[in-house]
C-alpha atoms as a PDB file:
ATOM      1  CA  UNK A   1      27.579  -4.582  30.948  1.00  0.00           C
ATOM      2  CA  UNK A   2      27.003  -7.184  28.214  1.00  0.00           C
ATOM      3  CA  UNK A   3      23.921  -8.445  30.050  1.00  0.00           C
ATOM      4  CA  UNK A   4      22.426  -4.949  30.163  1.00  0.00           C
ATOM      5  CA  UNK A   5      22.996  -4.453  26.441  1.00  0.00           C
ATOM      6  CA  UNK A   6      21.501  -7.869  25.654  1.00  0.00           C
ATOM      7  CA  UNK A   7      18.479  -7.176  27.847  1.00  0.00           C
ATOM      8  CA  UNK A   8      17.978  -3.788  26.177  1.00  0.00           C
ATOM      9  CA  UNK A   9      18.143  -5.324  22.689  1.00  0.00           C
ATOM     10  CA  UNK A  10      15.694  -8.093  23.602  1.00  0.00           C
ATOM     11  CA  UNK A  11      13.255  -5.597  25.095  1.00  0.00           C
ATOM     12  CA  UNK A  12      13.477  -3.349  22.033  1.00  0.00           C
ATOM     13  CA  UNK A  13      12.915  -6.276  19.650  1.00  0.00           C
ATOM     14  CA  UNK A  14       9.823  -7.292  21.635  1.00  0.00           C
ATOM     15  CA  UNK A  15       8.268  -3.854  21.176  1.00  0.00           C
ATOM     16  CA  UNK A  16       9.119  -3.741  17.464  1.00  0.00           C
ATOM     17  CA  UNK A  17       7.608  -7.193  16.876  1.00  0.00           C
ATOM     18  CA  UNK A  18       4.531  -6.310  18.912  1.00  0.00           C
ATOM     19  CA  UNK A  19       3.814  -3.237  16.771  1.00  0.00           C
ATOM     20  CA  UNK A  20       2.718  -5.449  13.858  1.00  0.00           C
ATOM     21  CA  UNK A  21      -0.657  -7.174  13.891  1.00  0.00           C
ATOM     22  CA  UNK A  22      -1.499 -10.224  11.785  1.00  0.00           C
ATOM     23  CA  UNK A  23      -4.855  -9.753  10.045  1.00  0.00           C
ATOM     24  CA  UNK A  24      -6.931 -11.423   7.337  1.00  0.00           C
ATOM     25  CA  UNK A  25      -6.816  -9.826   3.888  1.00  0.00           C
ATOM     26  CA  UNK A  26     -10.584  -9.292   3.937  1.00  0.00           C
ATOM     27  CA  UNK A  27     -10.227  -7.184   7.119  1.00  0.00           C
ATOM     28  CA  UNK A  28      -7.696  -4.737   5.695  1.00  0.00           C
ATOM     29  CA  UNK A  29     -10.124  -1.778   5.443  1.00  0.00           C
ATOM     30  CA  UNK A  30     -10.446  -1.680   9.236  1.00  0.00           C
ATOM     31  CA  UNK A  31      -6.676  -1.305   9.609  1.00  0.00           C
ATOM     32  CA  UNK A  32      -5.774   1.821   7.613  1.00  0.00           C
ATOM     33  CA  UNK A  33      -2.689   3.463   9.101  1.00  0.00           C
ATOM     34  CA  UNK A  34      -1.644   0.350  11.001  1.00  0.00           C
ATOM     35  CA  UNK A  35       1.463  -1.764  10.509  1.00  0.00           C
ATOM     36  CA  UNK A  36       0.136  -5.249   9.690  1.00  0.00           C
ATOM     37  CA  UNK A  37       1.118  -8.694   8.454  1.00  0.00           C
ATOM     38  CA  UNK A  38      -1.209 -10.306   5.898  1.00  0.00           C
ATOM     39  CA  UNK A  39      -0.820 -13.745   4.331  1.00  0.00           C
ATOM     40  CA  UNK A  40      -2.716 -14.619   1.148  1.00  0.00           C
ATOM     41  CA  UNK A  41      -2.175 -15.465  -2.521  1.00  0.00           C
ATOM     42  CA  UNK A  42      -1.106 -13.180  -5.361  1.00  0.00           C
ATOM     43  CA  UNK A  43      -3.893 -13.593  -7.922  1.00  0.00           C
ATOM     44  CA  UNK A  44      -2.856 -11.076 -10.567  1.00  0.00           C
ATOM     45  CA  UNK A  45      -0.093  -8.575 -11.279  1.00  0.00           C
ATOM     46  CA  UNK A  46       0.350  -5.526 -13.466  1.00  0.00           C
ATOM     47  CA  UNK A  47       3.570  -3.703 -14.328  1.00  0.00           C
ATOM     48  CA  UNK A  48       3.602  -0.040 -15.249  1.00  0.00           C
ATOM     49  CA  UNK A  49       6.395   2.373 -16.112  1.00  0.00           C
ATOM     50  CA  UNK A  50       6.634   3.667 -12.529  1.00  0.00           C
ATOM     51  CA  UNK A  51       5.436   0.702 -10.433  1.00  0.00           C
ATOM     52  CA  UNK A  52       4.300  -2.899 -10.194  1.00  0.00           C
ATOM     53  CA  UNK A  53       1.012  -3.913  -8.597  1.00  0.00           C
ATOM     54  CA  UNK A  54       0.344  -7.295  -6.984  1.00  0.00           C
ATOM     55  CA  UNK A  55      -3.343  -8.026  -6.347  1.00  0.00           C
ATOM     56  CA  UNK A  56      -4.013 -10.051  -3.214  1.00  0.00           C
ATOM     57  CA  UNK A  57      -7.026 -12.215  -2.338  1.00  0.00           C
ATOM     58  CA  UNK A  58      -8.627 -11.996  -5.795  1.00  0.00           C
ATOM     59  CA  UNK A  59      -7.777 -10.808  -9.279  1.00  0.00           C
ATOM     60  CA  UNK A  60      -8.320  -7.151 -10.190  1.00  0.00           C
ATOM     61  CA  UNK A  61     -10.868  -5.528  -9.846  1.00  0.00           C
ATOM     62  CA  UNK A  62     -12.101  -7.676  -6.938  1.00  0.00           C
ATOM     63  CA  UNK A  63      -8.807  -7.803  -5.016  1.00  0.00           C
ATOM     64  CA  UNK A  64      -8.831  -7.362  -1.240  1.00  0.00           C
ATOM     65  CA  UNK A  65      -5.831  -5.070  -1.531  1.00  0.00           C
ATOM     66  CA  UNK A  66      -2.838  -4.292  -3.725  1.00  0.00           C
ATOM     67  CA  UNK A  67       0.860  -4.415  -2.952  1.00  0.00           C
ATOM     68  CA  UNK A  68       2.618  -1.480  -4.623  1.00  0.00           C
ATOM     69  CA  UNK A  69       6.319  -1.727  -5.500  1.00  0.00           C
ATOM     70  CA  UNK A  70       7.693   1.473  -7.014  1.00  0.00           C
ATOM     71  CA  UNK A  71      10.260   1.109  -9.829  1.00  0.00           C
ATOM     72  CA  UNK A  72      12.956   2.731  -7.686  1.00  0.00           C
ATOM     73  CA  UNK A  73      12.569  -0.149  -5.203  1.00  0.00           C
ATOM     74  CA  UNK A  74      12.238  -2.981  -7.757  1.00  0.00           C
ATOM     75  CA  UNK A  75      16.019  -3.065  -8.191  1.00  0.00           C
ATOM     76  CA  UNK A  76      16.326  -4.308  -4.605  1.00  0.00           C
ATOM     77  CA  UNK A  77      14.563  -7.553  -5.587  1.00  0.00           C
ATOM     78  CA  UNK A  78      16.453 -10.419  -7.303  1.00  0.00           C
ATOM     79  CA  UNK A  79      13.911 -10.315 -10.172  1.00  0.00           C
ATOM     80  CA  UNK A  80      10.833  -8.208 -10.945  1.00  0.00           C
ATOM     81  CA  UNK A  81       8.216  -8.617  -8.176  1.00  0.00           C
ATOM     82  CA  UNK A  82       5.475  -9.051 -10.772  1.00  0.00           C
ATOM     83  CA  UNK A  83       7.242 -12.213 -11.985  1.00  0.00           C
ATOM     84  CA  UNK A  84       8.504 -13.436  -8.602  1.00  0.00           C
ATOM     85  CA  UNK A  85       5.241 -13.615  -6.710  1.00  0.00           C
ATOM     86  CA  UNK A  86       2.403 -14.345  -9.177  1.00  0.00           C
ATOM     87  CA  UNK A  87       0.504 -17.453  -8.066  1.00  0.00           C
ATOM     88  CA  UNK A  88       2.365 -17.720  -4.762  1.00  0.00           C
ATOM     89  CA  UNK A  89       1.038 -17.531  -1.234  1.00  0.00           C
ATOM     90  CA  UNK A  90       2.944 -14.732   0.472  1.00  0.00           C
ATOM     91  CA  UNK A  91       3.030 -12.786   3.708  1.00  0.00           C
ATOM     92  CA  UNK A  92       3.488  -9.034   3.423  1.00  0.00           C
ATOM     93  CA  UNK A  93       4.368  -6.615   6.200  1.00  0.00           C
ATOM     94  CA  UNK A  94       3.645  -2.915   5.947  1.00  0.00           C
ATOM     95  CA  UNK A  95       1.423   0.042   6.668  1.00  0.00           C
ATOM     96  CA  UNK A  96      -2.081  -0.060   5.214  1.00  0.00           C
ATOM     97  CA  UNK A  97      -3.121   2.989   3.200  1.00  0.00           C
ATOM     98  CA  UNK A  98      -5.988   3.896   0.905  1.00  0.00           C
ATOM     99  CA  UNK A  99      -5.663   5.145  -2.666  1.00  0.00           C
ATOM    100  CA  UNK A 100      -8.769   6.113  -4.654  1.00  0.00           C
ATOM    101  CA  UNK A 101     -10.986   3.967  -2.439  1.00  0.00           C
ATOM    102  CA  UNK A 102      -8.734   0.883  -2.702  1.00  0.00           C
ATOM    103  CA  UNK A 103      -6.567  -0.574   0.059  1.00  0.00           C
ATOM    104  CA  UNK A 104      -2.828  -0.904  -0.491  1.00  0.00           C
ATOM    105  CA  UNK A 105       0.499  -1.621   1.151  1.00  0.00           C
ATOM    106  CA  UNK A 106       3.565   0.052  -0.349  1.00  0.00           C
ATOM    107  CA  UNK A 107       6.608  -2.227  -0.193  1.00  0.00           C
ATOM    108  CA  UNK A 108      10.072  -0.668  -0.265  1.00  0.00           C
ATOM    109  CA  UNK A 109      12.233  -3.648   0.807  1.00  0.00           C
ATOM    110  CA  UNK A 110      12.251  -7.320  -0.271  1.00  0.00           C
ATOM    111  CA  UNK A 111      12.174  -8.427   3.381  1.00  0.00           C
ATOM    112  CA  UNK A 112       8.593  -7.125   3.568  1.00  0.00           C
ATOM    113  CA  UNK A 113       7.396 -10.014   1.358  1.00  0.00           C
ATOM    114  CA  UNK A 114       7.943 -13.660   2.304  1.00  0.00           C
ATOM    115  CA  UNK A 115       6.849 -16.578   0.101  1.00  0.00           C
ATOM    116  CA  UNK A 116       5.068 -19.288   2.095  1.00  0.00           C
END
């Protein structure tokens, strides 16, 4: 019985891991709606009353995409994301969406961002 459970868990983890695709930041526009992993540097940040924005690949307004962390989710991080990640190379996992013609990934959990 333990072997069946272990085999089931391993199979399930394979499919979950396979559902994410690693892409280059410059290719994000071709991946709207997909769950991706992107590694690049945080070039600039901006904090607002309701969210923090981390600009990836270039400083605003020439960023490849923006990571959005809503204020409600910022409390899950050990310190504000705008201070934690500026200048660091990171990998972010999430679903690509478009907002006003700009690409973004909304992050709701700290585990979605890993510092390299």
